[in-house]
Amino acid sequence: IKMLMPDTALDVSTMQLIIEGGQTALEALSAVVAAGEAGELK
């Protein structure tokens, strides 16, 4: 997320923070997973 979204204040460094991040965190994670599946973040 820091690489793909350098201006975001979203902190997903722990599972607890991911859960607390709610839909915003899930949408950000979906984006980075899609990039990972595309081979962009090896």
PDB file of all heavy atoms in Angstrom:
ATOM      1  N   ILE A   1       0.830  -1.199   0.000  1.00  0.00           N
ATOM      2  CA  ILE A   1       0.000   0.000   0.000  1.00  0.00           C
ATOM      3  C   ILE A   1       0.866   1.252   0.000  1.00  0.00           C
ATOM      4  O   ILE A   1       0.572   2.248  -0.688  1.00  0.00           O
ATOM      5  CB  ILE A   1      -0.975  -0.028   1.195  1.00  0.00           C
ATOM      6  CG1 ILE A   1      -2.134  -0.991   0.879  1.00  0.00           C
ATOM      7  CG2 ILE A   1      -1.507   1.360   1.516  1.00  0.00           C
ATOM      8  CD1 ILE A   1      -3.168  -1.119   1.959  1.00  0.00           C
ATOM      9  N   LYS A   2       1.966   1.223   0.751  1.00  0.00           N
ATOM     10  CA  LYS A   2       2.859   2.387   0.750  1.00  0.00           C
ATOM     11  C   LYS A   2       3.454   2.639  -0.639  1.00  0.00           C
ATOM     12  O   LYS A   2       3.677   3.783  -1.027  1.00  0.00           O
ATOM     13  CB  LYS A   2       3.976   2.170   1.771  1.00  0.00           C
ATOM     14  CG  LYS A   2       3.513   2.273   3.215  1.00  0.00           C
ATOM     15  CD  LYS A   2       4.642   1.969   4.190  1.00  0.00           C
ATOM     16  CE  LYS A   2       4.144   2.027   5.632  1.00  0.00           C
ATOM     17  NZ  LYS A   2       5.222   1.679   6.604  1.00  0.00           N
ATOM     18  N   MET A   3       3.682   1.564  -1.394  1.00  0.00           N
ATOM     19  CA  MET A   3       4.240   1.732  -2.732  1.00  0.00           C
ATOM     20  C   MET A   3       3.191   2.214  -3.722  1.00  0.00           C
ATOM     21  O   MET A   3       3.444   3.134  -4.523  1.00  0.00           O
ATOM     22  CB  MET A   3       4.842   0.413  -3.220  1.00  0.00           C
ATOM     23  CG  MET A   3       5.364   0.474  -4.654  1.00  0.00           C
ATOM     24  SD  MET A   3       6.174  -1.043  -5.179  1.00  0.00           S
ATOM     25  CE  MET A   3       7.708  -0.899  -4.250  1.00  0.00           C
ATOM     26  N   LEU A   4       2.006   1.598  -3.674  1.00  0.00           N
ATOM     27  CA  LEU A   4       0.977   1.937  -4.649  1.00  0.00           C
ATOM     28  C   LEU A   4       0.203   3.197  -4.299  1.00  0.00           C
ATOM     29  O   LEU A   4      -0.335   3.867  -5.184  1.00  0.00           O
ATOM     30  CB  LEU A   4       0.003   0.771  -4.810  1.00  0.00           C
ATOM     31  CG  LEU A   4       0.536  -0.508  -5.448  1.00  0.00           C
ATOM     32  CD1 LEU A   4      -0.566  -1.538  -5.538  1.00  0.00           C
ATOM     33  CD2 LEU A   4       1.132  -0.233  -6.811  1.00  0.00           C
ATOM     34  N   MET A   5       0.125   3.509  -3.003  1.00  0.00           N
ATOM     35  CA  MET A   5      -0.658   4.655  -2.533  1.00  0.00           C
ATOM     36  C   MET A   5       0.192   5.491  -1.598  1.00  0.00           C
ATOM     37  O   MET A   5      -0.080   5.577  -0.391  1.00  0.00           O
ATOM     38  CB  MET A   5      -1.933   4.169  -1.829  1.00  0.00           C
ATOM     39  CG  MET A   5      -2.754   3.180  -2.633  1.00  0.00           C
ATOM     40  SD  MET A   5      -4.102   2.450  -1.664  1.00  0.00           S
ATOM     41  CE  MET A   5      -4.666   1.162  -2.780  1.00  0.00           C
ATOM     42  N   PRO A   6       1.241   6.134  -2.100  1.00  0.00           N
ATOM     43  CA  PRO A   6       2.199   6.828  -1.227  1.00  0.00           C
ATOM     44  C   PRO A   6       1.593   7.971  -0.424  1.00  0.00           C
ATOM     45  O   PRO A   6       2.148   8.357   0.617  1.00  0.00           O
ATOM     46  CB  PRO A   6       3.268   7.336  -2.204  1.00  0.00           C
ATOM     47  CG  PRO A   6       2.593   7.361  -3.538  1.00  0.00           C
ATOM     48  CD  PRO A   6       1.625   6.235  -3.525  1.00  0.00           C
ATOM     49  N   ASP A   7       0.472   8.509  -0.849  1.00  0.00           N
ATOM     50  CA  ASP A   7      -0.121   9.650  -0.155  1.00  0.00           C
ATOM     51  C   ASP A   7      -1.184   9.242   0.870  1.00  0.00           C
ATOM     52  O   ASP A   7      -1.744  10.112   1.552  1.00  0.00           O
ATOM     53  CB  ASP A   7      -0.740  10.618  -1.171  1.00  0.00           C
ATOM     54  CG  ASP A   7       0.297  11.222  -2.103  1.00  0.00           C
ATOM     55  OD1 ASP A   7       1.439  11.437  -1.651  1.00  0.00           O
ATOM     56  OD2 ASP A   7      -0.036  11.456  -3.277  1.00  0.00           O
ATOM     57  N   THR A   8      -1.462   7.959   0.982  1.00  0.00           N
ATOM     58  CA  THR A   8      -2.517   7.531   1.900  1.00  0.00           C
ATOM     59  C   THR A   8      -2.031   7.541   3.347  1.00  0.00           C
ATOM     60  O   THR A   8      -0.857   7.286   3.630  1.00  0.00           O
ATOM     61  CB  THR A   8      -3.027   6.122   1.546  1.00  0.00           C
ATOM     62  OG1 THR A   8      -4.142   5.807   2.406  1.00  0.00           O
ATOM     63  CG2 THR A   8      -1.951   5.072   1.774  1.00  0.00           C
ATOM     64  N   ALA A   9      -2.958   7.834   4.247  1.00  0.00           N
ATOM     65  CA  ALA A   9      -2.662   7.765   5.681  1.00  0.00           C
ATOM     66  C   ALA A   9      -3.104   6.430   6.267  1.00  0.00           C
ATOM     67  O   ALA A   9      -2.953   6.202   7.463  1.00  0.00           O
ATOM     68  CB  ALA A   9      -3.370   8.910   6.407  1.00  0.00           C
ATOM     69  N   LEU A  10      -3.619   5.550   5.423  1.00  0.00           N
ATOM     70  CA  LEU A  10      -4.126   4.265   5.885  1.00  0.00           C
ATOM     71  C   LEU A  10      -2.991   3.401   6.426  1.00  0.00           C
ATOM     72  O   LEU A  10      -1.968   3.218   5.775  1.00  0.00           O
ATOM     73  CB  LEU A  10      -4.813   3.547   4.728  1.00  0.00           C
ATOM     74  CG  LEU A  10      -5.466   2.193   5.032  1.00  0.00           C
ATOM     75  CD1 LEU A  10      -6.620   2.365   6.003  1.00  0.00           C
ATOM     76  CD2 LEU A  10      -5.946   1.550   3.734  1.00  0.00           C
ATOM     77  N   ASP A  11      -3.179   2.873   7.627  1.00  0.00           N
ATOM     78  CA  ASP A  11      -2.181   2.021   8.276  1.00  0.00           C
ATOM     79  C   ASP A  11      -2.734   0.599   8.340  1.00  0.00           C
ATOM     80  O   ASP A  11      -3.734   0.346   9.011  1.00  0.00           O
ATOM     81  CB  ASP A  11      -1.872   2.538   9.682  1.00  0.00           C
ATOM     82  CG  ASP A  11      -0.741   1.771  10.369  1.00  0.00           C
ATOM     83  OD1 ASP A  11      -0.307   0.729   9.835  1.00  0.00           O
ATOM     84  OD2 ASP A  11      -0.299   2.214  11.449  1.00  0.00           O
ATOM     85  N   VAL A  12      -2.082  -0.323   7.630  1.00  0.00           N
ATOM     86  CA  VAL A  12      -2.513  -1.725   7.646  1.00  0.00           C
ATOM     87  C   VAL A  12      -1.352  -2.614   8.103  1.00  0.00           C
ATOM     88  O   VAL A  12      -1.196  -3.733   7.642  1.00  0.00           O
ATOM     89  CB  VAL A  12      -3.025  -2.175   6.258  1.00  0.00           C
ATOM     90  CG1 VAL A  12      -4.307  -1.451   5.897  1.00  0.00           C
ATOM     91  CG2 VAL A  12      -1.956  -1.961   5.185  1.00  0.00           C
ATOM     92  N   SER A  13      -0.576  -2.097   9.029  1.00  0.00           N
ATOM     93  CA  SER A  13       0.617  -2.811   9.474  1.00  0.00           C
ATOM     94  C   SER A  13       0.311  -3.966  10.408  1.00  0.00           C
ATOM     95  O   SER A  13       1.167  -4.825  10.648  1.00  0.00           O
ATOM     96  CB  SER A  13       1.594  -1.845  10.153  1.00  0.00           C
ATOM     97  OG  SER A  13       0.975  -1.186  11.249  1.00  0.00           O
ATOM     98  N   THR A  14      -0.900  -4.019  10.966  1.00  0.00           N
ATOM     99  CA  THR A  14      -1.308  -5.148  11.798  1.00  0.00           C
ATOM    100  C   THR A  14      -2.700  -5.604  11.376  1.00  0.00           C
ATOM    101  O   THR A  14      -3.474  -4.827  10.789  1.00  0.00           O
ATOM    102  CB  THR A  14      -1.348  -4.796  13.296  1.00  0.00           C
ATOM    103  OG1 THR A  14      -2.439  -3.883  13.542  1.00  0.00           O
ATOM    104  CG2 THR A  14      -0.031  -4.158  13.752  1.00  0.00           C
ATOM    105  N   MET A  15      -3.038  -6.847  11.699  1.00  0.00           N
ATOM    106  CA  MET A  15      -4.374  -7.345  11.369  1.00  0.00           C
ATOM    107  C   MET A  15      -5.444  -6.539  12.096  1.00  0.00           C
ATOM    108  O   MET A  15      -6.514  -6.262  11.528  1.00  0.00           O
ATOM    109  CB  MET A  15      -4.499  -8.822  11.729  1.00  0.00           C
ATOM    110  CG  MET A  15      -5.767  -9.474  11.226  1.00  0.00           C
ATOM    111  SD  MET A  15      -5.803  -9.704   9.435  1.00  0.00           S
ATOM    112  CE  MET A  15      -4.654 -11.085   9.275  1.00  0.00           C
ATOM    113  N   GLN A  16      -5.162  -6.153  13.337  1.00  0.00           N
ATOM    114  CA  GLN A  16      -6.132  -5.361  14.080  1.00  0.00           C
ATOM    115  C   GLN A  16      -6.427  -4.053  13.357  1.00  0.00           C
ATOM    116  O   GLN A  16      -7.584  -3.636  13.228  1.00  0.00           O
ATOM    117  CB  GLN A  16      -5.605  -5.073  15.486  1.00  0.00           C
ATOM    118  CG  GLN A  16      -6.551  -4.275  16.369  1.00  0.00           C
ATOM    119  CD  GLN A  16      -7.835  -4.996  16.711  1.00  0.00           C
ATOM    120  OE1 GLN A  16      -7.843  -6.196  16.965  1.00  0.00           O
ATOM    121  NE2 GLN A  16      -8.944  -4.268  16.732  1.00  0.00           N
ATOM    122  N   LEU A  17      -5.399  -3.390  12.840  1.00  0.00           N
ATOM    123  CA  LEU A  17      -5.600  -2.127  12.129  1.00  0.00           C
ATOM    124  C   LEU A  17      -6.341  -2.342  10.813  1.00  0.00           C
ATOM    125  O   LEU A  17      -7.147  -1.496  10.403  1.00  0.00           O
ATOM    126  CB  LEU A  17      -4.256  -1.452  11.885  1.00  0.00           C
ATOM    127  CG  LEU A  17      -3.587  -0.848  13.119  1.00  0.00           C
ATOM    128  CD1 LEU A  17      -2.165  -0.408  12.802  1.00  0.00           C
ATOM    129  CD2 LEU A  17      -4.405   0.324  13.667  1.00  0.00           C
ATOM    130  N   ILE A  18      -6.072  -3.466  10.141  1.00  0.00           N
ATOM    131  CA  ILE A  18      -6.815  -3.774   8.923  1.00  0.00           C
ATOM    132  C   ILE A  18      -8.295  -3.900   9.238  1.00  0.00           C
ATOM    133  O   ILE A  18      -9.151  -3.333   8.540  1.00  0.00           O
ATOM    134  CB  ILE A  18      -6.288  -5.072   8.291  1.00  0.00           C
ATOM    135  CG1 ILE A  18      -4.890  -4.862   7.703  1.00  0.00           C
ATOM    136  CG2 ILE A  18      -7.249  -5.575   7.203  1.00  0.00           C
ATOM    137  CD1 ILE A  18      -4.229  -6.141   7.206  1.00  0.00           C
ATOM    138  N   ILE A  19      -8.619  -4.625  10.272  1.00  0.00           N
ATOM    139  CA  ILE A  19     -10.018  -4.832  10.643  1.00  0.00           C
ATOM    140  C   ILE A  19     -10.668  -3.498  11.021  1.00  0.00           C
ATOM    141  O   ILE A  19     -11.783  -3.188  10.590  1.00  0.00           O
ATOM    142  CB  ILE A  19     -10.129  -5.850  11.782  1.00  0.00           C
ATOM    143  CG1 ILE A  19      -9.612  -7.214  11.322  1.00  0.00           C
ATOM    144  CG2 ILE A  19     -11.570  -5.959  12.271  1.00  0.00           C
ATOM    145  CD1 ILE A  19      -9.429  -8.218  12.447  1.00  0.00           C
ATOM    146  N   GLU A  20      -9.957  -2.697  11.808  1.00  0.00           N
ATOM    147  CA  GLU A  20     -10.488  -1.398  12.211  1.00  0.00           C
ATOM    148  C   GLU A  20     -10.648  -0.459  11.016  1.00  0.00           C
ATOM    149  O   GLU A  20     -11.481   0.445  11.038  1.00  0.00           O
ATOM    150  CB  GLU A  20      -9.571  -0.755  13.251  1.00  0.00           C
ATOM    151  CG  GLU A  20      -9.580  -1.457  14.590  1.00  0.00           C
ATOM    152  CD  GLU A  20      -8.568  -0.867  15.558  1.00  0.00           C
ATOM    153  OE1 GLU A  20      -7.851   0.084  15.171  1.00  0.00           O
ATOM    154  OE2 GLU A  20      -8.496  -1.352  16.704  1.00  0.00           O
ATOM    155  N   GLY A  21      -9.876  -0.688   9.970  1.00  0.00           N
ATOM    156  CA  GLY A  21      -9.946   0.166   8.787  1.00  0.00           C
ATOM    157  C   GLY A  21     -11.207   0.005   7.973  1.00  0.00           C
ATOM    158  O   GLY A  21     -11.491   0.821   7.088  1.00  0.00           O
ATOM    159  N   GLY A  22     -11.962  -1.058   8.247  1.00  0.00           N
ATOM    160  CA  GLY A  22     -13.261  -1.241   7.616  1.00  0.00           C
ATOM    161  C   GLY A  22     -13.207  -1.319   6.098  1.00  0.00           C
ATOM    162  O   GLY A  22     -12.261  -1.850   5.508  1.00  0.00           O
ATOM    163  N   GLN A  23     -14.221  -0.767   5.465  1.00  0.00           N
ATOM    164  CA  GLN A  23     -14.353  -0.871   4.011  1.00  0.00           C
ATOM    165  C   GLN A  23     -13.213  -0.171   3.291  1.00  0.00           C
ATOM    166  O   GLN A  23     -12.764  -0.628   2.229  1.00  0.00           O
ATOM    167  CB  GLN A  23     -15.695  -0.284   3.569  1.00  0.00           C
ATOM    168  CG  GLN A  23     -16.036  -0.569   2.117  1.00  0.00           C
ATOM    169  CD  GLN A  23     -16.139  -2.062   1.812  1.00  0.00           C
ATOM    170  OE1 GLN A  23     -16.558  -2.852   2.660  1.00  0.00           O
ATOM    171  NE2 GLN A  23     -15.753  -2.455   0.611  1.00  0.00           N
ATOM    172  N   THR A  24     -12.711   0.919   3.870  1.00  0.00           N
ATOM    173  CA  THR A  24     -11.589   1.632   3.239  1.00  0.00           C
ATOM    174  C   THR A  24     -10.369   0.726   3.138  1.00  0.00           C
ATOM    175  O   THR A  24      -9.711   0.656   2.097  1.00  0.00           O
ATOM    176  CB  THR A  24     -11.242   2.896   4.041  1.00  0.00           C
ATOM    177  OG1 THR A  24     -12.365   3.774   4.063  1.00  0.00           O
ATOM    178  CG2 THR A  24     -10.049   3.623   3.423  1.00  0.00           C
ATOM    179  N   ALA A  25     -10.081   0.016   4.226  1.00  0.00           N
ATOM    180  CA  ALA A  25      -8.937  -0.893   4.217  1.00  0.00           C
ATOM    181  C   ALA A  25      -9.157  -2.051   3.259  1.00  0.00           C
ATOM    182  O   ALA A  25      -8.239  -2.451   2.529  1.00  0.00           O
ATOM    183  CB  ALA A  25      -8.680  -1.414   5.633  1.00  0.00           C
ATOM    184  N   LEU A  26     -10.365  -2.584   3.225  1.00  0.00           N
ATOM    185  CA  LEU A  26     -10.647  -3.715   2.340  1.00  0.00           C
ATOM    186  C   LEU A  26     -10.501  -3.316   0.871  1.00  0.00           C
ATOM    187  O   LEU A  26      -9.966  -4.076   0.060  1.00  0.00           O
ATOM    188  CB  LEU A  26     -12.055  -4.249   2.602  1.00  0.00           C
ATOM    189  CG  LEU A  26     -12.235  -5.062   3.888  1.00  0.00           C
ATOM    190  CD1 LEU A  26     -13.702  -5.399   4.098  1.00  0.00           C
ATOM    191  CD2 LEU A  26     -11.406  -6.331   3.849  1.00  0.00           C
ATOM    192  N   GLU A  27     -10.959  -2.133   0.530  1.00  0.00           N
ATOM    193  CA  GLU A  27     -10.828  -1.680  -0.852  1.00  0.00           C
ATOM    194  C   GLU A  27      -9.365  -1.480  -1.231  1.00  0.00           C
ATOM    195  O   GLU A  27      -8.938  -1.831  -2.341  1.00  0.00           O
ATOM    196  CB  GLU A  27     -11.625  -0.387  -1.041  1.00  0.00           C
ATOM    197  CG  GLU A  27     -13.132  -0.604  -0.989  1.00  0.00           C
ATOM    198  CD  GLU A  27     -13.920   0.690  -1.035  1.00  0.00           C
ATOM    199  OE1 GLU A  27     -13.270   1.768  -1.092  1.00  0.00           O
ATOM    200  OE2 GLU A  27     -15.163   0.635  -1.012  1.00  0.00           O
ATOM    201  N   ALA A  28      -8.571  -0.935  -0.295  1.00  0.00           N
ATOM    202  CA  ALA A  28      -7.143  -0.755  -0.557  1.00  0.00           C
ATOM    203  C   ALA A  28      -6.448  -2.098  -0.706  1.00  0.00           C
ATOM    204  O   ALA A  28      -5.616  -2.295  -1.605  1.00  0.00           O
ATOM    205  CB  ALA A  28      -6.510   0.066   0.555  1.00  0.00           C
ATOM    206  N   LEU A  29      -6.795  -3.043   0.151  1.00  0.00           N
ATOM    207  CA  LEU A  29      -6.201  -4.372   0.067  1.00  0.00           C
ATOM    208  C   LEU A  29      -6.588  -5.059  -1.242  1.00  0.00           C
ATOM    209  O   LEU A  29      -5.763  -5.750  -1.856  1.00  0.00           O
ATOM    210  CB  LEU A  29      -6.642  -5.222   1.255  1.00  0.00           C
ATOM    211  CG  LEU A  29      -6.047  -4.848   2.614  1.00  0.00           C
ATOM    212  CD1 LEU A  29      -6.623  -5.743   3.695  1.00  0.00           C
ATOM    213  CD2 LEU A  29      -4.539  -4.943   2.601  1.00  0.00           C
ATOM    214  N   SER A  30      -7.824  -4.892  -1.658  1.00  0.00           N
ATOM    215  CA  SER A  30      -8.249  -5.490  -2.933  1.00  0.00           C
ATOM    216  C   SER A  30      -7.409  -4.961  -4.085  1.00  0.00           C
ATOM    217  O   SER A  30      -7.035  -5.714  -4.998  1.00  0.00           O
ATOM    218  CB  SER A  30      -9.730  -5.193  -3.178  1.00  0.00           C
ATOM    219  OG  SER A  30     -10.545  -5.842  -2.219  1.00  0.00           O
ATOM    220  N   ALA A  31      -7.083  -3.676  -4.034  1.00  0.00           N
ATOM    221  CA  ALA A  31      -6.283  -3.077  -5.099  1.00  0.00           C
ATOM    222  C   ALA A  31      -4.867  -3.632  -5.113  1.00  0.00           C
ATOM    223  O   ALA A  31      -4.326  -3.958  -6.180  1.00  0.00           O
ATOM    224  CB  ALA A  31      -6.250  -1.553  -4.933  1.00  0.00           C
ATOM    225  N   VAL A  32      -4.259  -3.781  -3.933  1.00  0.00           N
ATOM    226  CA  VAL A  32      -2.883  -4.284  -3.918  1.00  0.00           C
ATOM    227  C   VAL A  32      -2.841  -5.774  -4.247  1.00  0.00           C
ATOM    228  O   VAL A  32      -1.886  -6.250  -4.875  1.00  0.00           O
ATOM    229  CB  VAL A  32      -2.175  -3.989  -2.575  1.00  0.00           C
ATOM    230  CG1 VAL A  32      -2.122  -2.492  -2.311  1.00  0.00           C
ATOM    231  CG2 VAL A  32      -2.829  -4.714  -1.415  1.00  0.00           C
ATOM    232  N   VAL A  33      -3.878  -6.517  -3.854  1.00  0.00           N
ATOM    233  CA  VAL A  33      -3.930  -7.932  -4.218  1.00  0.00           C
ATOM    234  C   VAL A  33      -4.053  -8.073  -5.734  1.00  0.00           C
ATOM    235  O   VAL A  33      -3.389  -8.924  -6.349  1.00  0.00           O
ATOM    236  CB  VAL A  33      -5.089  -8.643  -3.493  1.00  0.00           C
ATOM    237  CG1 VAL A  33      -5.348 -10.019  -4.098  1.00  0.00           C
ATOM    238  CG2 VAL A  33      -4.781  -8.776  -2.010  1.00  0.00           C
ATOM    239  N   ALA A  34      -4.878  -7.237  -6.347  1.00  0.00           N
ATOM    240  CA  ALA A  34      -5.015  -7.284  -7.806  1.00  0.00           C
ATOM    241  C   ALA A  34      -3.680  -6.983  -8.481  1.00  0.00           C
ATOM    242  O   ALA A  34      -3.298  -7.642  -9.460  1.00  0.00           O
ATOM    243  CB  ALA A  34      -6.072  -6.289  -8.262  1.00  0.00           C
ATOM    244  N   ALA A  35      -2.940  -6.024  -7.936  1.00  0.00           N
ATOM    245  CA  ALA A  35      -1.624  -5.710  -8.489  1.00  0.00           C
ATOM    246  C   ALA A  35      -0.662  -6.871  -8.287  1.00  0.00           C
ATOM    247  O   ALA A  35       0.136  -7.209  -9.165  1.00  0.00           O
ATOM    248  CB  ALA A  35      -1.077  -4.434  -7.848  1.00  0.00           C
ATOM    249  N   GLY A  36      -0.754  -7.502  -7.120  1.00  0.00           N
ATOM    250  CA  GLY A  36       0.097  -8.662  -6.856  1.00  0.00           C
ATOM    251  C   GLY A  36      -0.204  -9.820  -7.781  1.00  0.00           C
ATOM    252  O   GLY A  36       0.712 -10.479  -8.293  1.00  0.00           O
ATOM    253  N   GLU A  37      -1.488 -10.059  -8.031  1.00  0.00           N
ATOM    254  CA  GLU A  37      -1.876 -11.139  -8.937  1.00  0.00           C
ATOM    255  C   GLU A  37      -1.392 -10.859 -10.362  1.00  0.00           C
ATOM    256  O   GLU A  37      -1.109 -11.784 -11.129  1.00  0.00           O
ATOM    257  CB  GLU A  37      -3.400 -11.320  -8.940  1.00  0.00           C
ATOM    258  CG  GLU A  37      -3.995 -11.753  -7.609  1.00  0.00           C
ATOM    259  CD  GLU A  37      -3.697 -13.192  -7.234  1.00  0.00           C
ATOM    260  OE1 GLU A  37      -2.849 -13.831  -7.889  1.00  0.00           O
ATOM    261  OE2 GLU A  37      -4.305 -13.671  -6.261  1.00  0.00           O
ATOM    262  N   ALA A  38      -1.257  -9.572 -10.691  1.00  0.00           N
ATOM    263  CA  ALA A  38      -0.787  -9.193 -12.023  1.00  0.00           C
ATOM    264  C   ALA A  38       0.732  -9.238 -12.132  1.00  0.00           C
ATOM    265  O   ALA A  38       1.288  -8.928 -13.192  1.00  0.00           O
ATOM    266  CB  ALA A  38      -1.301  -7.805 -12.371  1.00  0.00           C
ATOM    267  N   GLY A  39       1.385  -9.610 -11.036  1.00  0.00           N
ATOM    268  CA  GLY A  39       2.836  -9.741 -11.057  1.00  0.00           C
ATOM    269  C   GLY A  39       3.599  -8.441 -10.895  1.00  0.00           C
ATOM    270  O   GLY A  39       4.802  -8.381 -11.179  1.00  0.00           O
ATOM    271  N   GLU A  40       2.912  -7.407 -10.401  1.00  0.00           N
ATOM    272  CA  GLU A  40       3.541  -6.087 -10.312  1.00  0.00           C
ATOM    273  C   GLU A  40       4.340  -5.875  -9.022  1.00  0.00           C
ATOM    274  O   GLU A  40       5.075  -4.896  -8.923  1.00  0.00           O
ATOM    275  CB  GLU A  40       2.462  -4.996 -10.415  1.00  0.00           C
ATOM    276  CG  GLU A  40       1.684  -5.028 -11.720  1.00  0.00           C
ATOM    277  CD  GLU A  40       0.550  -4.021 -11.730  1.00  0.00           C
ATOM    278  OE1 GLU A  40       0.542  -3.142 -10.833  1.00  0.00           O
ATOM    279  OE2 GLU A  40      -0.322  -4.117 -12.613  1.00  0.00           O
ATOM    280  N   LEU A  41       4.188  -6.735  -8.041  1.00  0.00           N
ATOM    281  CA  LEU A  41       4.777  -6.473  -6.717  1.00  0.00           C
ATOM    282  C   LEU A  41       5.652  -7.629  -6.243  1.00  0.00           C
ATOM    283  O   LEU A  41       5.681  -7.955  -5.055  1.00  0.00           O
ATOM    284  CB  LEU A  41       3.650  -6.206  -5.705  1.00  0.00           C
ATOM    285  CG  LEU A  41       2.703  -5.049  -6.031  1.00  0.00           C
ATOM    286  CD1 LEU A  41       1.524  -5.049  -5.079  1.00  0.00           C
ATOM    287  CD2 LEU A  41       3.440  -3.719  -5.964  1.00  0.00           C
ATOM    288  N   LYS A  42       6.385  -8.230  -7.142  1.00  0.00           N
ATOM    289  CA  LYS A  42       7.173  -9.409  -6.795  1.00  0.00           C
ATOM    290  C   LYS A  42       8.205  -9.133  -5.713  1.00  0.00           C
ATOM    291  O   LYS A  42       8.560 -10.024  -4.936  1.00  0.00           O
ATOM    292  CB  LYS A  42       7.847  -9.971  -8.046  1.00  0.00           C
ATOM    293  CG  LYS A  42       6.859 -10.553  -9.053  1.00  0.00           C
ATOM    294  CD  LYS A  42       7.579 -11.121 -10.261  1.00  0.00           C
ATOM    295  CE  LYS A  42       6.581 -11.703 -11.261  1.00  0.00           C
ATOM    296  NZ  LYS A  42       7.261 -12.240 -12.469  1.00  0.00           N
TER     297      LYS A  42
END
